[in-house]
Amino acid sequence: MIYDFGLRIAEEMSMMPLSSRHLQKLRFHLGEITMKTTLLAIVSICLVCCIAGCATAPSQTYRPRNYDGPVWVIVCKGEIGLIDMPFEIKINGETVIKDKFSDFQRHADYQGTYEGHQITASFARGYNDIQVIVFVDGERAATF
């Protein structure tokens, strides 16, 4: 369809029928242009999906009960994949939980430990988002 349209425009501009050699060259160039345009569109879409796929929520701070040390910085980082979402929960830069949340799950809990404290990451899938609640020894510490 694009080829026919391009050929008609070329014939109208030259006001005479094109020779078979010219038609062949024109078809080649039109095909090359549409192929490059299509490839560029596909690459652009893939790039946007890759950039949008990686999500890091803002960090949150937490201080456990009866703890006199510095506050903990809790970070949740995940990558949205085609079938599952690899994620990482870090406290003060140390990976506490690293696992995958499946697209087929509505809810899942993951366990880890940090400085002798029990860490639980509770994932819940909503209509348009995934909520992550991090618990330290059963006490809510952060929500992403």
Protein backbone atom coordinates (compact mmCIF):
# COMPACT_ATOMS: atom_id res chain seq x y z
CA MET A 1 0.00 0.00 0.00
CA ILE A 2 2.77 2.44 0.91
CA TYR A 3 4.68 1.36 -2.18
CA ASP A 4 1.72 2.02 -4.51
CA PHE A 5 1.12 5.42 -2.94
CA GLY A 6 4.81 6.36 -3.33
CA LEU A 7 4.86 5.17 -6.93
CA ARG A 8 1.74 7.17 -7.82
CA ILE A 9 3.25 10.32 -6.32
CA ALA A 10 6.50 9.77 -8.22
CA GLU A 11 4.64 9.28 -11.52
CA GLU A 12 2.50 12.38 -10.95
CA MET A 13 5.55 14.48 -10.13
CA SER A 14 7.41 13.39 -13.25
CA MET A 15 4.22 13.64 -15.42
CA MET A 16 5.23 10.52 -17.32
CA PRO A 17 5.24 6.81 -16.60
CA LEU A 18 8.34 5.53 -14.91
CA SER A 19 10.53 2.93 -16.58
CA SER A 20 10.82 -0.49 -14.98
CA ARG A 21 14.39 0.33 -13.86
CA HIS A 22 13.21 3.52 -12.14
CA LEU A 23 10.26 1.67 -10.59
CA GLN A 24 12.63 -0.95 -9.22
CA LYS A 25 14.89 1.70 -7.65
CA LEU A 26 11.92 3.56 -6.22
CA ARG A 27 10.44 0.37 -4.71
CA PHE A 28 13.80 -0.42 -3.13
CA HIS A 29 14.12 3.06 -1.58
CA LEU A 30 10.51 3.09 -0.34
CA GLY A 31 11.00 -0.35 1.20
CA GLU A 32 14.22 0.79 2.85
CA ILE A 33 12.52 3.89 4.30
CA THR A 34 9.55 1.95 5.73
CA MET A 35 11.85 -0.74 7.14
CA LYS A 36 14.03 1.87 8.87
CA THR A 37 10.98 3.70 10.23
CA THR A 38 9.46 0.47 11.53
CA LEU A 39 12.75 -0.60 13.12
CA LEU A 40 13.16 2.82 14.76
CA ALA A 41 9.62 2.63 16.19
CA ILE A 42 10.23 -0.87 17.59
CA VAL A 43 13.55 0.13 19.18
CA SER A 44 11.95 3.26 20.69
CA ILE A 45 9.09 1.28 22.22
CA CYS A 46 11.50 -1.31 23.66
CA LEU A 47 13.67 1.42 25.15
CA VAL A 48 10.70 3.11 26.82
CA CYS A 49 9.52 -0.24 28.23
CA CYS A 50 12.98 -1.00 29.62
CA ILE A 51 13.29 2.38 31.28
CA ALA A 52 9.78 2.23 32.71
CA GLY A 53 10.24 -1.36 33.87
CA CYS A 54 12.72 -0.59 36.61
CA ALA A 55 11.18 0.97 39.69
CA THR A 56 12.79 2.13 42.90
CA ALA A 57 10.49 3.57 45.52
CA PRO A 58 11.81 6.43 47.65
CA SER A 59 13.62 5.20 50.72
CA GLN A 60 11.96 5.26 54.12
CA THR A 61 13.52 5.45 57.56
CA TYR A 62 12.70 3.31 60.57
CA ARG A 63 14.01 2.86 64.10
CA PRO A 64 13.17 -0.39 65.94
CA ARG A 65 11.77 -0.29 69.47
CA ASN A 66 14.34 -0.06 72.25
CA TYR A 67 17.07 0.71 69.71
CA ASP A 68 19.48 3.58 70.35
CA GLY A 69 21.49 3.36 67.11
CA PRO A 70 21.00 5.36 63.92
CA VAL A 71 17.77 5.07 61.93
CA TRP A 72 17.50 2.36 59.32
CA VAL A 73 17.08 3.34 55.68
CA ILE A 74 14.76 0.86 53.95
CA VAL A 75 14.68 0.67 50.14
CA CYS A 76 12.51 -1.48 47.87
CA LYS A 77 13.64 -1.95 44.26
CA GLY A 78 11.85 -4.04 41.65
CA GLU A 79 11.91 -4.69 37.93
CA ILE A 80 8.66 -5.42 36.15
CA GLY A 81 9.15 -8.39 33.84
CA LEU A 82 6.97 -10.34 31.46
CA ILE A 83 6.20 -13.17 33.91
CA ASP A 84 7.57 -12.11 37.27
CA MET A 85 9.04 -9.15 39.11
CA PRO A 86 12.51 -9.59 40.60
CA PHE A 87 12.81 -7.38 43.67
CA GLU A 88 15.21 -6.48 46.44
CA ILE A 89 14.61 -5.11 49.95
CA LYS A 90 17.67 -3.33 51.36
CA ILE A 91 18.28 -1.94 54.82
CA ASN A 92 21.21 0.48 55.14
CA GLY A 93 22.50 -0.72 51.77
CA GLU A 94 22.54 -4.41 52.75
CA THR A 95 20.29 -6.78 50.79
CA VAL A 96 17.90 -8.40 53.26
CA ILE A 97 15.42 -10.07 50.87
CA LYS A 98 15.96 -10.84 47.18
CA ASP A 99 13.31 -12.85 45.34
CA LYS A 100 10.69 -12.76 42.57
CA PHE A 101 7.00 -11.83 42.83
CA SER A 102 5.06 -13.75 40.18
CA ASP A 103 2.48 -12.10 37.91
CA PHE A 104 0.13 -14.92 38.84
CA GLN A 105 0.17 -14.13 42.56
CA ARG A 106 -2.21 -11.72 44.28
CA HIS A 107 -0.40 -11.80 47.63
CA ALA A 108 2.89 -13.19 48.93
CA ASP A 109 5.15 -12.82 51.99
CA TYR A 110 8.95 -13.05 51.90
CA GLN A 111 11.25 -13.46 54.92
CA GLY A 112 14.74 -12.27 55.79
CA THR A 113 16.84 -11.14 58.75
CA TYR A 114 18.81 -8.01 59.53
CA GLU A 115 20.98 -7.62 62.64
CA GLY A 116 19.02 -10.38 64.38
CA HIS A 117 15.62 -8.86 63.54
CA GLN A 118 12.99 -10.78 61.55
CA ILE A 119 12.14 -8.86 58.32
CA THR A 120 8.96 -9.63 56.36
CA ALA A 121 8.02 -8.09 53.00
CA SER A 122 4.34 -8.48 52.24
CA PHE A 123 3.39 -7.99 48.57
CA ALA A 124 -0.21 -7.34 47.50
CA ARG A 125 -1.29 -6.78 43.89
CA GLY A 126 -3.93 -4.10 43.35
CA TYR A 127 -5.77 -3.12 40.18
CA ASN A 128 -2.94 -0.95 38.82
CA ASP A 129 -0.12 -1.32 41.32
CA ILE A 130 1.74 -3.53 43.73
CA GLN A 131 1.91 -2.52 47.38
CA VAL A 132 4.82 -3.66 49.52
CA ILE A 133 4.71 -3.45 53.32
CA VAL A 134 7.92 -4.16 55.21
CA PHE A 135 7.63 -5.43 58.79
CA VAL A 136 10.42 -5.61 61.38
CA ASP A 137 9.69 -8.15 64.12
CA GLY A 138 5.98 -7.95 63.24
CA GLU A 139 5.86 -4.13 63.42
CA ARG A 140 5.11 -2.14 60.27
CA ALA A 141 8.31 -0.33 59.26
CA ALA A 142 7.73 0.92 55.69
CA THR A 143 5.10 0.98 52.94
CA PHE A 144 5.97 1.21 49.26
